[in-house]
Amino acid sequence: LPKIVAAVFFFPLLALFSMIIGTLGGYIIAAFTGIVLPAEYIEGLHYYFIPFEITYSLIKMAVFAFIITSISAFYGYSPKGNSLEVGRASTRAVVTSSITIMIFNLILTQLMLT
């Protein structure tokens, strides 16, 4: 349970941090290369910014964090025996998590964006 709570709390924070770093990185590239003027970059950010998309991505990240950690923890308790069983359990966890994330991505997108 502590792993799941920590992941649900910190995955959205990491996503928010990556959004901020990506935006600042884009501004730095725009300022130093001259491809886009920094004022135009800021204007583009203001023009295309939709606050709900940040909320949407943070909600999705929290749901995905719960899925990833709970499935991995479930399959992590099941291997018995040698390292081959651990490999099989981790493969099952990755495949199950990937499929479950794709399904929940569809469900969340349909619920939140339509």
C-alpha atoms as a PDB file:
ATOM      1  CA  LEU A   1       0.000   0.000   0.000  1.00  0.00           C
ATOM      2  CA  PRO A   2       2.750   2.581   0.683  1.00  0.00           C
ATOM      3  CA  LYS A   3       4.187   2.000  -2.806  1.00  0.00           C
ATOM      4  CA  ILE A   4       0.812   2.620  -4.404  1.00  0.00           C
ATOM      5  CA  VAL A   5       0.133   5.783  -2.398  1.00  0.00           C
ATOM      6  CA  ALA A   6       3.613   7.133  -3.122  1.00  0.00           C
ATOM      7  CA  ALA A   7       3.290   6.438  -6.851  1.00  0.00           C
ATOM      8  CA  VAL A   8      -0.182   7.986  -7.083  1.00  0.00           C
ATOM      9  CA  PHE A   9       1.159  11.090  -5.368  1.00  0.00           C
ATOM     10  CA  PHE A  10       4.525  11.442  -7.103  1.00  0.00           C
ATOM     11  CA  PHE A  11       3.800  10.365 -10.705  1.00  0.00           C
ATOM     12  CA  PRO A  12       1.588  13.431 -11.301  1.00  0.00           C
ATOM     13  CA  LEU A  13       4.240  15.635  -9.691  1.00  0.00           C
ATOM     14  CA  LEU A  14       6.853  14.192 -12.037  1.00  0.00           C
ATOM     15  CA  ALA A  15       4.536  14.773 -14.992  1.00  0.00           C
ATOM     16  CA  LEU A  16       3.989  18.382 -13.937  1.00  0.00           C
ATOM     17  CA  PHE A  17       7.717  18.830 -13.487  1.00  0.00           C
ATOM     18  CA  SER A  18       8.377  17.440 -16.971  1.00  0.00           C
ATOM     19  CA  MET A  19       5.774  19.802 -18.465  1.00  0.00           C
ATOM     20  CA  ILE A  20       7.459  22.785 -16.839  1.00  0.00           C
ATOM     21  CA  ILE A  21      10.964  21.692 -17.855  1.00  0.00           C
ATOM     22  CA  GLY A  22       9.795  21.014 -21.429  1.00  0.00           C
ATOM     23  CA  THR A  23       8.200  24.440 -21.704  1.00  0.00           C
ATOM     24  CA  LEU A  24      11.286  26.166 -20.287  1.00  0.00           C
ATOM     25  CA  GLY A  25      13.501  24.123 -22.579  1.00  0.00           C
ATOM     26  CA  GLY A  26      11.451  25.220 -25.567  1.00  0.00           C
ATOM     27  CA  TYR A  27      11.812  28.833 -24.493  1.00  0.00           C
ATOM     28  CA  ILE A  28      15.579  28.482 -24.096  1.00  0.00           C
ATOM     29  CA  ILE A  29      15.892  26.897 -27.538  1.00  0.00           C
ATOM     30  CA  ALA A  30      13.729  29.648 -29.013  1.00  0.00           C
ATOM     31  CA  ALA A  31      15.824  32.342 -27.325  1.00  0.00           C
ATOM     32  CA  PHE A  32      19.258  30.971 -28.221  1.00  0.00           C
ATOM     33  CA  THR A  33      18.687  29.677 -31.748  1.00  0.00           C
ATOM     34  CA  GLY A  34      16.531  32.456 -33.096  1.00  0.00           C
ATOM     35  CA  ILE A  35      14.199  30.009 -34.838  1.00  0.00           C
ATOM     36  CA  VAL A  36      11.286  31.631 -33.052  1.00  0.00           C
ATOM     37  CA  LEU A  37      11.390  34.906 -31.226  1.00  0.00           C
ATOM     38  CA  PRO A  38      10.891  34.490 -27.465  1.00  0.00           C
ATOM     39  CA  ALA A  39       7.932  36.894 -27.564  1.00  0.00           C
ATOM     40  CA  GLU A  40       6.273  34.760 -30.253  1.00  0.00           C
ATOM     41  CA  TYR A  41       6.950  31.632 -28.204  1.00  0.00           C
ATOM     42  CA  ILE A  42       5.236  33.162 -25.159  1.00  0.00           C
ATOM     43  CA  GLU A  43       2.370  34.375 -27.342  1.00  0.00           C
ATOM     44  CA  GLY A  44       1.958  30.860 -28.720  1.00  0.00           C
ATOM     45  CA  LEU A  45       1.876  29.462 -25.193  1.00  0.00           C
ATOM     46  CA  HIS A  46      -0.861  31.911 -24.251  1.00  0.00           C
ATOM     47  CA  TYR A  47      -2.815  31.259 -27.428  1.00  0.00           C
ATOM     48  CA  TYR A  48      -2.792  27.448 -27.268  1.00  0.00           C
ATOM     49  CA  PHE A  49      -2.874  26.975 -23.497  1.00  0.00           C
ATOM     50  CA  ILE A  50      -5.901  25.050 -22.233  1.00  0.00           C
ATOM     51  CA  PRO A  51      -5.833  24.650 -18.427  1.00  0.00           C
ATOM     52  CA  PHE A  52      -8.067  21.565 -18.467  1.00  0.00           C
ATOM     53  CA  GLU A  53      -5.427  19.635 -20.411  1.00  0.00           C
ATOM     54  CA  ILE A  54      -3.074  19.889 -17.445  1.00  0.00           C
ATOM     55  CA  THR A  55      -5.793  18.644 -15.098  1.00  0.00           C
ATOM     56  CA  TYR A  56      -6.636  15.880 -17.556  1.00  0.00           C
ATOM     57  CA  SER A  57      -3.040  14.716 -17.810  1.00  0.00           C
ATOM     58  CA  LEU A  58      -2.529  14.771 -14.032  1.00  0.00           C
ATOM     59  CA  ILE A  59      -5.685  12.710 -13.449  1.00  0.00           C
ATOM     60  CA  LYS A  60      -4.581  10.214 -16.070  1.00  0.00           C
ATOM     61  CA  MET A  61      -1.132  10.031 -14.519  1.00  0.00           C
ATOM     62  CA  ALA A  62      -2.581   9.290 -11.070  1.00  0.00           C
ATOM     63  CA  VAL A  63      -4.778   6.521 -12.502  1.00  0.00           C
ATOM     64  CA  PHE A  64      -1.866   5.061 -14.477  1.00  0.00           C
ATOM     65  CA  ALA A  65       0.342   5.164 -11.370  1.00  0.00           C
ATOM     66  CA  PHE A  66      -2.264   3.187  -9.443  1.00  0.00           C
ATOM     67  CA  ILE A  67      -2.544   0.636 -12.251  1.00  0.00           C
ATOM     68  CA  ILE A  68       1.198   0.186 -12.704  1.00  0.00           C
ATOM     69  CA  THR A  69       2.046  -0.183  -9.037  1.00  0.00           C
ATOM     70  CA  SER A  70      -0.892  -2.349  -8.045  1.00  0.00           C
ATOM     71  CA  ILE A  71      -0.434  -4.801 -10.927  1.00  0.00           C
ATOM     72  CA  SER A  72       3.331  -4.929 -10.403  1.00  0.00           C
ATOM     73  CA  ALA A  73       2.882  -5.513  -6.680  1.00  0.00           C
ATOM     74  CA  PHE A  74       0.311  -8.240  -7.338  1.00  0.00           C
ATOM     75  CA  TYR A  75       2.555 -10.120  -9.745  1.00  0.00           C
ATOM     76  CA  GLY A  76       5.612  -9.462  -7.583  1.00  0.00           C
ATOM     77  CA  TYR A  77       4.203 -11.566  -4.767  1.00  0.00           C
ATOM     78  CA  SER A  78       3.412 -14.598  -6.914  1.00  0.00           C
ATOM     79  CA  PRO A  79       6.772 -16.017  -8.129  1.00  0.00           C
ATOM     80  CA  LYS A  80       7.865 -19.192  -6.425  1.00  0.00           C
ATOM     81  CA  GLY A  81      11.180 -20.838  -7.046  1.00  0.00           C
ATOM     82  CA  ASN A  82      14.007 -19.510  -9.139  1.00  0.00           C
ATOM     83  CA  SER A  83      14.889 -16.466 -11.205  1.00  0.00           C
ATOM     84  CA  LEU A  84      12.973 -17.772 -14.224  1.00  0.00           C
ATOM     85  CA  GLU A  85       9.741 -17.435 -12.273  1.00  0.00           C
ATOM     86  CA  VAL A  86      10.663 -13.864 -11.346  1.00  0.00           C
ATOM     87  CA  GLY A  87      11.266 -13.121 -15.041  1.00  0.00           C
ATOM     88  CA  ARG A  88       7.927 -14.630 -16.020  1.00  0.00           C
ATOM     89  CA  ALA A  89       6.119 -12.698 -13.286  1.00  0.00           C
ATOM     90  CA  SER A  90       7.692  -9.405 -14.348  1.00  0.00           C
ATOM     91  CA  THR A  91       6.831 -10.092 -17.997  1.00  0.00           C
ATOM     92  CA  ARG A  92       3.226 -10.820 -17.024  1.00  0.00           C
ATOM     93  CA  ALA A  93       3.120  -7.632 -14.955  1.00  0.00           C
ATOM     94  CA  VAL A  94       4.414  -5.488 -17.826  1.00  0.00           C
ATOM     95  CA  VAL A  95       2.030  -6.998 -20.372  1.00  0.00           C
ATOM     96  CA  THR A  96      -0.968  -6.771 -18.055  1.00  0.00           C
ATOM     97  CA  SER A  97      -0.119  -3.204 -17.068  1.00  0.00           C
ATOM     98  CA  SER A  98       0.305  -2.135 -20.693  1.00  0.00           C
ATOM     99  CA  ILE A  99      -3.021  -3.591 -21.785  1.00  0.00           C
ATOM    100  CA  THR A 100      -4.828  -2.211 -18.728  1.00  0.00           C
ATOM    101  CA  ILE A 101      -3.351   1.249 -19.300  1.00  0.00           C
ATOM    102  CA  MET A 102      -4.494   1.237 -22.920  1.00  0.00           C
ATOM    103  CA  ILE A 103      -8.021   0.292 -21.859  1.00  0.00           C
ATOM    104  CA  PHE A 104      -8.148   2.907 -19.095  1.00  0.00           C
ATOM    105  CA  ASN A 105      -6.665   5.515 -21.408  1.00  0.00           C
ATOM    106  CA  LEU A 106      -9.585   4.952 -23.769  1.00  0.00           C
ATOM    107  CA  ILE A 107     -12.122   5.056 -20.933  1.00  0.00           C
ATOM    108  CA  LEU A 108     -10.685   8.205 -19.326  1.00  0.00           C
ATOM    109  CA  THR A 109     -10.400   9.984 -22.647  1.00  0.00           C
ATOM    110  CA  GLN A 110     -13.988   9.186 -23.525  1.00  0.00           C
ATOM    111  CA  LEU A 111     -15.234  10.298 -20.098  1.00  0.00           C
ATOM    112  CA  MET A 112     -13.213  13.484 -19.776  1.00  0.00           C
ATOM    113  CA  LEU A 113     -12.936  14.807 -23.337  1.00  0.00           C
ATOM    114  CA  THR A 114     -16.354  14.103 -24.802  1.00  0.00           C
END
